[in-house]
């Protein structure tokens, strides 16, 4: 490839990759050539299939087991993805990217790679799961010996602390999770992050590093989910000397088995082995492939086609296959294709939120009328049937243990009419249903409007910009009240696979805020808030009590949990479904 072509390629890098070191830009030649070959392969094979052996152990082989187990190393693992928000571990907020980051970031604890246990935590950089004080406020971890960055330098407790410090710099490090800020910062004297140079800047005293292998966290309040926060890529170490601030994502320093060596706007990202990684210090990642290629910016259908054609091994988006691809499961090639499918419920729950400060939803009986009239079976049909959605009657994802029993109540129109009488609206009422302007959501909204019309509730379905829907339209309670949004069709997905992570933002009255409000119903019930505090202190059955109490207010009406079908690539082996990321675990995947 001519030198001027390579130089031109550098000019076309995406914003998050500008400033890439020249050695890495030149290295992109390898990934460009490789992906050209892969693209050509997409054109061959009957029906979009490449002429390669198909590894398929049967439907759902990777859900609680291993799809095509093998210890064979070598080759290139080929991933496909939509747009990537950032390669900076402190700035990404996409679970699919978090899965990718398992290849080049390590954290004190991480998700297990064991089949059927991928929502459980295991030690990673730490020697164990840490020690917590009796009051739940102090957590202490010891780092393993012999863990190094890609440049060969030992990873120390100070590097971990610096990674956490970056998340506090909200004017520079934007877009990533802020759990650590909420848990550790002092509201009376907030820490501004590592980039501020004011003389009176406070230190981050909530994290202590008494020696290179010890790190201590002092929380403002007990938080049993704290280890899950430590498993986020935003909790990974960053060497201060390599930090480029907002541009760090152009060349993040690896602490895992692979390092990013090139990026290309067309071909994507190339990761190659990190020679400083010691498998003896890593009980999670097997690092079987010699290299990993990630083709980014692909639509859902393009990702499916790549998997079907043999030019991709894993779609890391977490979205599963598209409806057009699902339809092929009932076609003539049903058996071969179905054998490569893993069916997964995602924990993403569609709910109706009934804002408690918008009339007449400020009356609990009016909310009860709405809840009683809902037909979940019809909602499931609107979402494409059982392949795409599982009916849900509880504020609890099915994958979380210890929750209330999921029943399947049908609509009770008599009960709905009786509730309308009690709430003083015997003839029904009019309200507005706010919904993101997306095809599936609109189908559900129209279905709900038709159901409520049967009991005299007249619903105006109001489509809103999906880009700003959660941030401002329904994320600002004042806008909700001003526009009379009596019903909000929302989707709740927790960042962490714990009941508290799912419930607290949704039902705790203290979580209400004016921007990006996650408590869509503006539920602020003292009894529910008290149960939240008790659950935080006790865990266990306490969270089930929170879910049941919140459901009893009728501020939320659960509808259906999203179900997806993961399609394994034809060469994929060691395919294990990692539930928190709704994909196959890239940390243990291989090809042959």
Protein backbone atom coordinates (compact mmCIF):
# COMPACT_ATOMS: atom_id res chain seq x y z
CA UNK A 1 0.00 0.00 0.00
CA UNK A 2 1.52 3.40 -0.95
CA UNK A 3 2.74 5.61 1.86
CA UNK A 4 0.42 8.44 0.80
CA UNK A 5 -2.54 6.10 1.21
CA UNK A 6 -1.52 5.37 4.77
CA UNK A 7 -1.09 9.05 5.50
CA UNK A 8 -4.52 9.71 4.02
CA UNK A 9 -5.92 7.00 6.24
CA UNK A 10 -4.68 8.85 9.30
CA UNK A 11 -6.67 11.91 8.25
CA UNK A 12 -9.85 9.81 8.18
CA UNK A 13 -9.59 8.45 11.70
CA UNK A 14 -12.71 8.88 13.88
CA UNK A 15 -12.64 11.57 16.58
CA UNK A 16 -11.84 9.11 19.35
CA UNK A 17 -8.81 7.80 17.45
CA UNK A 18 -7.18 11.03 16.29
CA UNK A 19 -3.70 11.45 17.64
CA UNK A 20 -2.97 7.72 17.37
CA UNK A 21 0.79 7.10 17.42
CA UNK A 22 2.23 6.82 13.91
CA UNK A 23 3.49 3.28 14.54
CA UNK A 24 -0.06 2.18 15.24
CA UNK A 25 -1.53 3.96 12.24
CA UNK A 26 0.99 2.22 10.00
CA UNK A 27 0.17 -1.07 11.66
CA UNK A 28 -3.41 -0.63 10.44
CA UNK A 29 -2.22 -1.95 7.07
CA UNK A 30 -2.49 -5.46 8.51
CA UNK A 31 -6.07 -5.06 9.64
CA UNK A 32 -7.09 -3.35 6.39
CA UNK A 33 -5.79 -6.23 4.31
CA UNK A 34 -7.35 -8.79 6.64
CA UNK A 35 -10.79 -7.19 6.59
CA UNK A 36 -10.70 -6.81 2.81
CA UNK A 37 -10.26 -10.57 2.64
CA UNK A 38 -13.10 -11.05 5.11
CA UNK A 39 -15.36 -8.73 3.17
CA UNK A 40 -14.73 -10.69 0.00
CA UNK A 41 -15.62 -13.88 1.86
CA UNK A 42 -19.03 -12.38 2.66
CA UNK A 43 -19.83 -12.52 -1.03
CA UNK A 44 -19.22 -16.25 -1.37
CA UNK A 45 -21.21 -19.26 -0.30
CA UNK A 46 -24.77 -20.19 -1.06
CA UNK A 47 -27.40 -18.18 0.74
CA UNK A 48 -24.82 -15.91 2.35
CA UNK A 49 -22.88 -18.80 3.88
CA UNK A 50 -19.14 -19.13 3.50
CA UNK A 51 -17.67 -22.49 2.54
CA UNK A 52 -16.15 -23.15 5.95
CA UNK A 53 -16.79 -25.83 8.57
CA UNK A 54 -19.64 -24.97 10.94
CA UNK A 55 -19.10 -25.50 14.65
CA UNK A 56 -22.52 -26.04 16.21
CA UNK A 57 -23.21 -28.01 19.36
CA UNK A 58 -26.95 -27.40 19.33
CA UNK A 59 -29.33 -24.70 20.49
CA UNK A 60 -28.44 -22.93 23.76
CA UNK A 61 -25.13 -24.77 24.09
CA UNK A 62 -23.40 -21.60 25.31
CA UNK A 63 -26.02 -20.45 27.84
CA UNK A 64 -24.98 -22.70 30.72
CA UNK A 65 -22.23 -24.62 28.95
CA UNK A 66 -19.43 -24.13 26.43
CA UNK A 67 -20.13 -24.00 22.72
CA UNK A 68 -17.53 -26.04 20.80
CA UNK A 69 -14.97 -26.37 23.61
CA UNK A 70 -11.32 -26.36 22.53
CA UNK A 71 -7.96 -25.28 23.92
CA UNK A 72 -6.57 -24.63 20.45
CA UNK A 73 -4.82 -21.27 20.20
CA UNK A 74 -3.96 -19.08 17.24
CA UNK A 75 -5.85 -17.37 14.47
CA UNK A 76 -7.77 -14.09 14.45
CA UNK A 77 -10.98 -13.62 16.40
CA UNK A 78 -13.30 -11.43 14.31
CA UNK A 79 -15.80 -9.25 16.13
CA UNK A 80 -18.52 -7.02 14.72
CA UNK A 81 -20.09 -4.06 16.50
CA UNK A 82 -22.17 -0.90 16.01
CA UNK A 83 -20.53 2.46 16.66
CA UNK A 84 -18.19 2.47 19.64
CA UNK A 85 -18.61 5.37 22.04
CA UNK A 86 -15.03 5.38 23.35
CA UNK A 87 -12.03 3.10 23.80
CA UNK A 88 -11.23 5.00 27.01
CA UNK A 89 -12.32 2.70 29.86
CA UNK A 90 -13.42 5.65 31.98
CA UNK A 91 -15.54 7.11 29.15
CA UNK A 92 -17.45 4.18 27.67
CA UNK A 93 -21.02 3.40 28.69
CA UNK A 94 -21.86 0.55 26.30
CA UNK A 95 -21.97 -3.03 27.62
CA UNK A 96 -20.72 -4.35 24.27
CA UNK A 97 -17.64 -2.16 24.56
CA UNK A 98 -17.22 -3.25 28.18
CA UNK A 99 -17.06 -6.82 26.87
CA UNK A 100 -14.37 -5.79 24.38
CA UNK A 101 -12.45 -4.08 27.18
CA UNK A 102 -12.01 -7.43 28.94
CA UNK A 103 -9.23 -7.92 26.38
CA UNK A 104 -7.17 -4.87 27.35
CA UNK A 105 -8.28 -3.78 30.82
CA UNK A 106 -8.17 -5.55 34.15
CA UNK A 107 -9.92 -4.59 37.37
CA UNK A 108 -9.67 -5.59 41.02
CA UNK A 109 -12.52 -8.05 40.47
CA UNK A 110 -14.27 -9.07 37.28
CA UNK A 111 -17.04 -11.27 35.93
CA UNK A 112 -16.40 -14.99 35.96
CA UNK A 113 -15.83 -16.80 32.67
CA UNK A 114 -17.29 -20.05 34.05
CA UNK A 115 -20.36 -21.26 32.11
CA UNK A 116 -23.60 -20.45 33.90
CA UNK A 117 -21.77 -18.25 36.43
CA UNK A 118 -20.86 -15.25 34.29
CA UNK A 119 -22.89 -12.86 36.45
CA UNK A 120 -20.73 -13.78 39.46
CA UNK A 121 -17.56 -11.94 40.48
CA UNK A 122 -14.09 -13.39 40.89
CA UNK A 123 -10.73 -11.79 41.81
CA UNK A 124 -8.76 -10.29 38.92
CA UNK A 125 -5.99 -7.83 39.81
CA UNK A 126 -6.78 -8.47 43.48
CA UNK A 127 -5.72 -11.58 45.34
CA UNK A 128 -9.26 -12.12 46.67
CA UNK A 129 -12.69 -10.47 46.86
CA UNK A 130 -11.48 -7.93 49.38
CA UNK A 131 -12.15 -7.32 53.05
CA UNK A 132 -15.02 -5.13 54.25
CA UNK A 133 -15.31 -3.53 57.67
CA UNK A 134 -18.17 -4.42 60.00
CA UNK A 135 -19.96 -1.14 59.26
CA UNK A 136 -19.71 -1.74 55.50
CA UNK A 137 -17.84 1.52 54.89
CA UNK A 138 -14.22 0.40 54.37
CA UNK A 139 -13.09 -2.02 51.67
CA UNK A 140 -9.47 -3.20 51.43
CA UNK A 141 -7.85 -5.06 48.52
CA UNK A 142 -4.38 -6.48 47.94
CA UNK A 143 -2.96 -6.59 44.39
CA UNK A 144 -1.42 -9.69 42.87
CA UNK A 145 2.29 -9.71 42.29
CA UNK A 146 3.68 -9.70 38.76
CA UNK A 147 0.87 -7.84 36.96
CA UNK A 148 2.18 -5.32 34.42
CA UNK A 149 1.11 -2.74 31.87
CA UNK A 150 1.97 -3.33 28.22
CA UNK A 151 5.18 -1.32 28.65
CA UNK A 152 6.39 -3.79 31.26
CA UNK A 153 5.91 -1.52 34.27
CA UNK A 154 4.34 -3.05 37.38
CA UNK A 155 0.72 -2.08 38.03
CA UNK A 156 0.47 -0.48 41.45
CA UNK A 157 -2.28 0.65 43.78
CA UNK A 158 -1.48 4.23 42.75
CA UNK A 159 -2.30 3.37 39.13
CA UNK A 160 -5.66 2.04 40.22
CA UNK A 161 -6.35 5.14 42.29
CA UNK A 162 -5.43 7.33 39.33
CA UNK A 163 -7.93 5.47 37.16
CA UNK A 164 -10.64 6.19 39.71
CA UNK A 165 -9.56 9.82 39.98
CA UNK A 166 -10.17 10.36 36.26
CA UNK A 167 -13.91 9.66 36.69
CA UNK A 168 -14.18 12.70 38.98
CA UNK A 169 -13.04 15.07 36.20
CA UNK A 170 -16.53 15.63 34.79
CA UNK A 171 -15.30 18.47 32.57
CA UNK A 172 -12.77 16.21 30.80
CA UNK A 173 -13.79 12.57 31.27
CA UNK A 174 -17.39 12.53 30.09
CA UNK A 175 -19.77 9.76 29.13
CA UNK A 176 -18.73 6.97 31.51
CA UNK A 177 -20.23 5.64 34.76
CA UNK A 178 -20.04 7.85 37.84
CA UNK A 179 -20.84 5.31 40.56
CA UNK A 180 -17.45 5.78 42.15
CA UNK A 181 -18.02 9.52 42.41
CA UNK A 182 -21.41 9.04 44.07
CA UNK A 183 -19.95 6.55 46.54
CA UNK A 184 -16.76 8.35 47.50
CA UNK A 185 -16.99 12.08 46.89
CA UNK A 186 -17.57 14.62 49.63
CA UNK A 187 -20.49 16.86 48.55
CA UNK A 188 -19.28 19.60 50.85
CA UNK A 189 -15.80 19.62 49.33
CA UNK A 190 -15.96 17.82 45.96
CA UNK A 191 -12.80 16.44 44.42
CA UNK A 192 -12.30 17.97 40.93
CA UNK A 193 -10.22 15.18 39.38
CA UNK A 194 -6.52 14.92 38.54
CA UNK A 195 -6.38 17.65 35.88
CA UNK A 196 -7.23 20.67 38.03
CA UNK A 197 -4.22 22.64 39.28
CA UNK A 198 -5.86 25.06 41.70
CA UNK A 199 -3.85 25.50 44.90
CA UNK A 200 -6.85 24.85 47.14
CA UNK A 201 -7.99 21.67 45.36
CA UNK A 202 -8.93 18.92 47.83
CA UNK A 203 -7.33 15.49 47.63
CA UNK A 204 -9.25 12.27 47.06
CA UNK A 205 -8.80 11.04 50.61
CA UNK A 206 -11.55 8.42 50.26
CA UNK A 207 -9.03 6.18 48.43
CA UNK A 208 -5.80 5.34 50.23
CA UNK A 209 -2.72 3.52 48.91
CA UNK A 210 -0.57 2.76 51.96
CA UNK A 211 1.80 0.67 49.84
CA UNK A 212 2.12 -0.33 46.16
CA UNK A 213 -0.02 -3.46 46.59
CA UNK A 214 -2.75 -2.19 48.95
CA UNK A 215 -5.73 -0.01 48.12
CA UNK A 216 -8.39 1.08 50.62
CA UNK A 217 -11.79 2.62 49.83
CA UNK A 218 -13.79 4.60 52.39
CA UNK A 219 -17.43 4.86 51.30
CA UNK A 220 -19.84 7.57 52.38
CA UNK A 221 -22.53 4.93 53.05
CA UNK A 222 -22.66 1.13 52.97
CA UNK A 223 -23.07 -0.26 49.46
CA UNK A 224 -23.19 -4.04 49.04
CA UNK A 225 -22.98 -3.62 45.25
CA UNK A 226 -19.57 -1.95 45.56
CA UNK A 227 -17.62 -4.97 44.20
CA UNK A 228 -19.74 -4.83 41.04
CA UNK A 229 -18.76 -1.19 40.60
CA UNK A 230 -15.14 -2.30 40.87
CA UNK A 231 -15.75 -4.75 37.99
CA UNK A 232 -16.64 -1.94 35.55
CA UNK A 233 -13.87 -1.02 33.08
CA UNK A 234 -14.01 2.49 34.52
CA UNK A 235 -12.37 0.95 37.61
CA UNK A 236 -9.28 -0.16 35.68
CA UNK A 237 -5.78 1.23 36.30
CA UNK A 238 -4.32 4.06 34.21
CA UNK A 239 -0.65 5.09 34.33
CA UNK A 240 -0.60 8.83 35.01
CA UNK A 241 2.39 9.34 32.72
CA UNK A 242 0.41 7.93 29.74
CA UNK A 243 -2.82 9.81 30.40
CA UNK A 244 -3.78 12.09 27.54
CA UNK A 245 -6.90 13.38 29.23
CA UNK A 246 -9.85 13.42 26.85
CA UNK A 247 -7.61 11.87 24.17
CA UNK A 248 -6.54 8.86 26.26
CA UNK A 249 -8.91 6.64 24.28
CA UNK A 250 -6.76 7.06 21.19
CA UNK A 251 -4.04 4.93 22.79
CA UNK A 252 -5.17 3.33 26.07
CA UNK A 253 -2.45 1.48 27.94
CA UNK A 254 -3.24 -2.22 28.19
CA UNK A 255 -3.28 -4.17 31.43
CA UNK A 256 -4.82 -7.25 29.76
CA UNK A 257 -3.69 -9.93 27.31
CA UNK A 258 -4.10 -7.75 24.21
CA UNK A 259 -3.14 -4.20 23.27
CA UNK A 260 -4.79 -1.99 20.66
CA UNK A 261 -2.25 -1.60 17.86
CA UNK A 262 -4.23 0.05 15.07
CA UNK A 263 -7.53 1.61 14.16
CA UNK A 264 -9.08 2.20 10.78
CA UNK A 265 -12.34 4.05 9.98
CA UNK A 266 -13.41 1.35 7.54
CA UNK A 267 -11.83 -1.83 8.87
CA UNK A 268 -12.11 -1.13 12.58
CA UNK A 269 -9.72 -1.96 15.39
CA UNK A 270 -6.85 -4.42 15.64
CA UNK A 271 -5.70 -5.88 18.96
CA UNK A 272 -2.54 -7.97 19.19
CA UNK A 273 -0.96 -9.94 21.99
CA UNK A 274 0.46 -7.94 24.89
CA UNK A 275 3.87 -9.51 25.60
CA UNK A 276 3.86 -8.12 29.15
CA UNK A 277 0.73 -10.06 30.11
CA UNK A 278 1.47 -13.06 32.32
CA UNK A 279 -1.22 -15.77 32.12
CA UNK A 280 -0.04 -16.99 35.51
CA UNK A 281 -1.56 -13.84 37.06
CA UNK A 282 -4.88 -14.11 35.21
CA UNK A 283 -7.42 -16.78 36.16
CA UNK A 284 -10.14 -15.45 33.83
CA UNK A 285 -8.77 -14.74 30.35
CA UNK A 286 -7.48 -17.56 28.15
CA UNK A 287 -6.31 -15.30 25.28
CA UNK A 288 -6.42 -18.06 22.67
CA UNK A 289 -6.40 -15.98 19.43
CA UNK A 290 -3.18 -14.40 18.17
CA UNK A 291 -5.10 -11.24 17.31
CA UNK A 292 -8.57 -9.72 17.42
CA UNK A 293 -10.22 -7.58 14.74
CA UNK A 294 -13.27 -5.45 15.51
CA UNK A 295 -15.29 -4.10 12.58
CA UNK A 296 -17.33 -1.18 13.88
CA UNK A 297 -20.23 0.94 12.70
CA UNK A 298 -22.20 -1.97 11.23
CA UNK A 299 -25.99 -2.13 11.25
CA UNK A 300 -27.77 -5.08 12.81
CA UNK A 301 -28.42 -6.72 9.45
CA UNK A 302 -24.81 -6.21 8.40
CA UNK A 303 -23.62 -7.86 11.60
CA UNK A 304 -25.98 -10.80 11.05
CA UNK A 305 -24.82 -11.21 7.46
CA UNK A 306 -21.20 -11.30 8.56
CA UNK A 307 -21.97 -14.05 11.07
CA UNK A 308 -23.97 -16.06 8.55
CA UNK A 309 -21.32 -15.70 5.86
CA UNK A 310 -18.44 -16.77 8.08
CA UNK A 311 -16.62 -13.43 8.07
CA UNK A 312 -17.37 -12.72 11.75
CA UNK A 313 -17.29 -14.84 14.89
CA UNK A 314 -19.10 -12.73 17.52
CA UNK A 315 -21.46 -9.74 17.50
CA UNK A 316 -20.60 -7.89 20.71
CA UNK A 317 -23.52 -5.42 20.49
CA UNK A 318 -25.74 -7.37 22.90
CA UNK A 319 -28.69 -6.81 20.56
CA UNK A 320 -28.95 -10.34 19.18
CA UNK A 321 -30.00 -11.13 15.63
CA UNK A 322 -32.48 -9.01 13.73
CA UNK A 323 -36.07 -10.02 12.98
CA UNK A 324 -35.23 -10.90 9.38
CA UNK A 325 -32.57 -13.30 10.59
CA UNK A 326 -34.84 -14.76 13.27
CA UNK A 327 -37.32 -15.60 10.51
CA UNK A 328 -34.72 -17.90 8.96
CA UNK A 329 -34.96 -20.14 12.01
CA UNK A 330 -38.21 -21.50 10.60
CA UNK A 331 -36.92 -21.82 7.04
CA UNK A 332 -35.47 -24.76 5.19
CA UNK A 333 -32.07 -24.34 6.82
CA UNK A 334 -33.71 -24.28 10.25
CA UNK A 335 -31.70 -27.12 11.82
CA UNK A 336 -28.22 -25.87 10.88
CA UNK A 337 -28.94 -22.30 11.90
CA UNK A 338 -30.87 -23.12 15.07
CA UNK A 339 -27.92 -25.21 16.25
CA UNK A 340 -25.85 -22.01 16.37
CA UNK A 341 -28.37 -20.02 18.44
CA UNK A 342 -28.24 -19.22 22.15
CA UNK A 343 -31.51 -17.81 23.50
CA UNK A 344 -31.01 -15.23 26.27
CA UNK A 345 -33.23 -12.95 28.33
CA UNK A 346 -31.37 -9.69 28.73
CA UNK A 347 -32.67 -8.16 31.96
CA UNK A 348 -34.00 -5.24 29.91
CA UNK A 349 -37.56 -4.69 31.16
CA UNK A 350 -40.23 -2.61 29.41
CA UNK A 351 -42.49 -0.84 31.88
CA UNK A 352 -45.26 1.69 31.95
CA UNK A 353 -44.33 4.47 34.37
CA UNK A 354 -47.29 6.44 35.72
CA UNK A 355 -45.88 9.76 37.04
CA UNK A 356 -47.27 10.32 40.50
CA UNK A 357 -47.32 14.12 40.13
CA UNK A 358 -49.35 14.21 36.90
CA UNK A 359 -53.17 14.20 37.28
CA UNK A 360 -54.98 11.88 37.46
CA UNK A 361 -52.02 9.52 38.04
CA UNK A 362 -51.45 11.31 41.34
CA UNK A 363 -54.40 9.18 42.50
CA UNK A 364 -53.28 5.58 43.22
CA UNK A 365 -56.67 4.19 42.21
CA UNK A 366 -56.38 5.76 38.75
CA UNK A 367 -52.99 4.09 38.41
CA UNK A 368 -54.51 0.80 39.53
CA UNK A 369 -57.12 1.11 36.75
CA UNK A 370 -54.37 1.36 34.14
CA UNK A 371 -52.49 -1.61 35.60
CA UNK A 372 -55.62 -3.80 35.65
CA UNK A 373 -56.46 -3.09 31.99
CA UNK A 374 -53.09 -4.12 30.56
CA UNK A 375 -52.91 -7.26 28.41
CA UNK A 376 -49.29 -8.47 28.46
CA UNK A 377 -49.97 -11.22 25.97
CA UNK A 378 -50.96 -8.65 23.35
CA UNK A 379 -47.89 -6.56 24.22
CA UNK A 380 -45.70 -9.62 23.67
CA UNK A 381 -47.33 -10.12 20.26
CA UNK A 382 -46.68 -6.47 19.37
CA UNK A 383 -43.01 -7.02 20.20
CA UNK A 384 -42.78 -9.92 17.76
CA UNK A 385 -43.85 -12.82 19.95
CA UNK A 386 -42.10 -15.11 22.38
CA UNK A 387 -38.84 -15.05 20.41
CA UNK A 388 -38.39 -11.36 21.21
CA UNK A 389 -40.07 -10.86 24.57
CA UNK A 390 -41.03 -12.71 27.76
CA UNK A 391 -44.12 -11.45 29.57
CA UNK A 392 -43.23 -9.99 32.97
CA UNK A 393 -45.46 -9.03 35.88
CA UNK A 394 -42.74 -8.11 38.40
CA UNK A 395 -40.19 -5.33 38.80
CA UNK A 396 -37.45 -7.95 38.72
CA UNK A 397 -35.46 -9.33 35.77
CA UNK A 398 -35.82 -13.10 35.51
CA UNK A 399 -32.07 -13.69 35.52
CA UNK A 400 -31.73 -12.30 39.07
CA UNK A 401 -32.18 -14.89 41.79
CA UNK A 402 -34.33 -14.37 44.87
CA UNK A 403 -37.08 -12.28 43.34
CA UNK A 404 -40.88 -12.46 43.52
CA UNK A 405 -42.55 -15.26 41.60
CA UNK A 406 -43.47 -14.21 38.07
CA UNK A 407 -47.13 -14.88 37.41
CA UNK A 408 -48.93 -14.14 34.16
CA UNK A 409 -52.07 -12.18 35.04
CA UNK A 410 -54.37 -11.28 32.20
CA UNK A 411 -56.35 -8.05 31.91
CA UNK A 412 -59.20 -7.57 34.38
CA UNK A 413 -61.48 -4.96 32.84
CA UNK A 414 -64.05 -5.20 35.64
CA UNK A 415 -61.34 -4.44 38.20
CA UNK A 416 -60.13 -1.55 36.03
CA UNK A 417 -63.64 -0.04 35.88
CA UNK A 418 -64.07 -0.47 39.64
CA UNK A 419 -60.77 1.35 40.23
CA UNK A 420 -61.95 4.17 37.96
CA UNK A 421 -65.08 4.52 40.12
CA UNK A 422 -62.95 4.66 43.26
CA UNK A 423 -60.61 7.29 41.82
CA UNK A 424 -63.54 9.51 40.84
CA UNK A 425 -63.26 8.94 37.08
CA UNK A 426 -66.10 6.47 36.35
CA UNK A 427 -66.27 7.45 32.69
CA UNK A 428 -62.52 7.29 32.28
CA UNK A 429 -60.09 10.13 31.56
CA UNK A 430 -57.67 11.46 28.98
CA UNK A 431 -53.89 11.35 29.22
CA UNK A 432 -50.71 11.45 27.14
CA UNK A 433 -48.42 8.47 26.64
CA UNK A 434 -44.82 9.54 26.02
CA UNK A 435 -42.82 7.07 23.92
CA UNK A 436 -39.48 7.03 22.13
CA UNK A 437 -40.03 7.34 18.38
CA UNK A 438 -38.82 3.82 17.56
CA UNK A 439 -40.81 1.18 15.64
CA UNK A 440 -41.10 -1.46 18.38
CA UNK A 441 -41.92 1.10 21.07
CA UNK A 442 -44.59 2.72 18.93
CA UNK A 443 -46.23 -0.65 18.29
CA UNK A 444 -46.41 -1.27 22.05
CA UNK A 445 -47.70 2.24 22.73
CA UNK A 446 -50.49 1.87 20.18
CA UNK A 447 -51.40 -1.51 21.64
CA UNK A 448 -51.58 -0.06 25.18
CA UNK A 449 -53.70 2.86 23.95
CA UNK A 450 -56.17 0.42 22.40
CA UNK A 451 -56.36 -1.64 25.59
CA UNK A 452 -57.01 1.37 27.80
CA UNK A 453 -59.68 2.68 25.44
CA UNK A 454 -61.78 -0.37 26.36
CA UNK A 455 -62.30 1.06 29.86
CA UNK A 456 -62.74 4.68 28.75
CA UNK A 457 -59.15 5.89 29.15
CA UNK A 458 -58.37 8.01 26.11
CA UNK A 459 -54.64 7.94 25.37
CA UNK A 460 -52.76 10.28 23.04
CA UNK A 461 -49.59 8.54 21.92
CA UNK A 462 -46.87 11.17 21.64
CA UNK A 463 -43.64 10.03 19.90
CA UNK A 464 -40.53 11.82 21.13
CA UNK A 465 -36.97 12.07 19.86
CA UNK A 466 -35.23 8.84 20.96
CA UNK A 467 -31.89 10.66 21.27
CA UNK A 468 -33.16 12.98 24.00
CA UNK A 469 -35.98 10.80 25.33
CA UNK A 470 -34.30 9.61 28.54
CA UNK A 471 -31.96 12.54 29.08
CA UNK A 472 -34.48 15.37 28.92
CA UNK A 473 -37.97 14.49 27.67
CA UNK A 474 -38.91 11.93 30.34
CA UNK A 475 -35.68 12.42 32.30
CA UNK A 476 -36.78 15.86 33.48
CA UNK A 477 -39.76 15.62 35.87
CA UNK A 478 -40.67 19.24 35.25
CA UNK A 479 -41.03 18.60 31.51
CA UNK A 480 -43.09 15.49 32.24
CA UNK A 481 -45.47 17.45 34.48
CA UNK A 482 -45.65 20.46 32.15
CA UNK A 483 -46.62 18.29 29.18
CA UNK A 484 -49.05 16.13 31.11
CA UNK A 485 -47.30 12.84 30.40
CA UNK A 486 -49.53 10.57 32.47
CA UNK A 487 -47.91 7.43 31.05
CA UNK A 488 -44.30 6.88 30.02
CA UNK A 489 -43.29 3.77 28.10
CA UNK A 490 -39.73 3.16 29.27
CA UNK A 491 -37.13 0.41 29.31
CA UNK A 492 -35.13 -0.23 32.46
CA UNK A 493 -31.78 -1.99 32.17
CA UNK A 494 -29.44 -2.17 35.15
CA UNK A 495 -25.71 -1.56 34.78
CA UNK A 496 -24.96 -4.27 37.34
CA UNK A 497 -26.54 -7.72 37.72
CA UNK A 498 -27.94 -7.00 41.18
CA UNK A 499 -31.44 -6.22 42.50
CA UNK A 500 -30.26 -2.95 44.02
CA UNK A 501 -28.81 -1.72 40.73
CA UNK A 502 -32.12 -2.44 39.00
CA UNK A 503 -34.50 -1.13 41.67
CA UNK A 504 -32.92 1.85 43.40
CA UNK A 505 -32.80 4.26 40.43
CA UNK A 506 -36.35 3.27 39.50
CA UNK A 507 -38.18 3.42 42.84
CA UNK A 508 -36.10 5.29 45.44
CA UNK A 509 -37.52 8.80 45.84
CA UNK A 510 -34.03 10.10 46.58
CA UNK A 511 -32.94 9.13 43.05
CA UNK A 512 -35.22 11.74 41.45
CA UNK A 513 -33.27 14.44 39.65
CA UNK A 514 -33.97 17.06 36.99
CA UNK A 515 -31.63 15.72 34.27
CA UNK A 516 -31.58 12.08 33.23
CA UNK A 517 -34.02 11.15 36.00
CA UNK A 518 -34.22 7.32 36.17
CA UNK A 519 -37.25 7.35 38.49
CA UNK A 520 -39.65 7.86 35.60
CA UNK A 521 -42.75 7.66 37.82
CA UNK A 522 -41.30 10.14 40.31
CA UNK A 523 -42.17 7.64 42.99
CA UNK A 524 -41.25 8.99 46.42
CA UNK A 525 -42.94 6.73 48.92
CA UNK A 526 -41.48 6.89 52.47
CA UNK A 527 -42.24 3.20 53.04
CA UNK A 528 -40.41 2.19 49.85
CA UNK A 529 -37.45 4.42 50.70
CA UNK A 530 -37.19 2.83 54.15
CA UNK A 531 -37.25 -0.65 52.63
CA UNK A 532 -34.42 0.40 50.28
CA UNK A 533 -32.27 1.41 53.26
CA UNK A 534 -33.04 -1.87 55.02
CA UNK A 535 -32.20 -3.87 51.89
CA UNK A 536 -28.88 -2.08 51.50
CA UNK A 537 -27.99 -3.02 55.05
CA UNK A 538 -29.31 -6.58 55.01
CA UNK A 539 -29.47 -7.64 51.34
CA UNK A 540 -31.21 -10.93 50.60
CA UNK A 541 -34.99 -10.89 50.91
CA UNK A 542 -34.94 -7.17 51.55
CA UNK A 543 -34.78 -6.39 47.85
CA UNK A 544 -37.78 -8.59 47.15
CA UNK A 545 -39.72 -6.54 49.70
CA UNK A 546 -38.69 -3.37 47.88
CA UNK A 547 -39.89 -4.74 44.55
CA UNK A 548 -43.23 -5.87 45.97
CA UNK A 549 -43.87 -2.59 47.79
CA UNK A 550 -43.02 -0.51 44.71
CA UNK A 551 -45.30 -2.66 42.54
CA UNK A 552 -48.06 -2.19 45.09
CA UNK A 553 -48.08 1.57 44.45
CA UNK A 554 -49.05 0.95 40.78
CA UNK A 555 -46.52 3.62 39.84
CA UNK A 556 -44.98 1.06 37.49
CA UNK A 557 -46.62 -1.61 35.35
CA UNK A 558 -44.12 -4.25 34.14
CA UNK A 559 -44.82 -5.50 30.62
CA UNK A 560 -42.12 -7.70 29.07
CA UNK A 561 -38.43 -8.51 29.27
CA UNK A 562 -36.41 -8.42 26.09
CA UNK A 563 -35.29 -11.75 24.71
CA UNK A 564 -32.56 -12.09 22.12
CA UNK A 565 -31.01 -14.82 20.04
CA UNK A 566 -27.24 -14.83 19.87
CA UNK A 567 -25.82 -16.32 16.67
CA UNK A 568 -22.44 -17.99 17.00
CA UNK A 569 -20.02 -17.54 14.13
CA UNK A 570 -19.13 -20.62 12.11
CA UNK A 571 -15.56 -20.80 13.48
CA UNK A 572 -16.28 -19.86 17.10
CA UNK A 573 -15.15 -22.20 19.82
CA UNK A 574 -15.23 -21.78 23.58
CA UNK A 575 -18.44 -19.80 23.14
CA UNK A 576 -19.73 -18.89 26.61
CA UNK A 577 -22.63 -16.46 27.05
CA UNK A 578 -21.61 -13.65 29.41
CA UNK A 579 -24.95 -12.51 30.79
CA UNK A 580 -24.07 -8.99 31.98
CA UNK A 581 -23.06 -8.13 28.39
CA UNK A 582 -25.65 -10.29 26.55
CA UNK A 583 -23.04 -11.71 24.17
CA UNK A 584 -20.28 -14.29 24.04
CA UNK A 585 -17.36 -13.66 26.38
CA UNK A 586 -14.48 -12.38 24.26
CA UNK A 587 -12.02 -13.11 27.08
CA UNK A 588 -12.23 -16.88 26.54
CA UNK A 589 -13.41 -17.17 22.92
CA UNK A 590 -11.26 -18.82 20.28
CA UNK A 591 -11.46 -19.76 16.61
CA UNK A 592 -10.41 -22.69 14.48
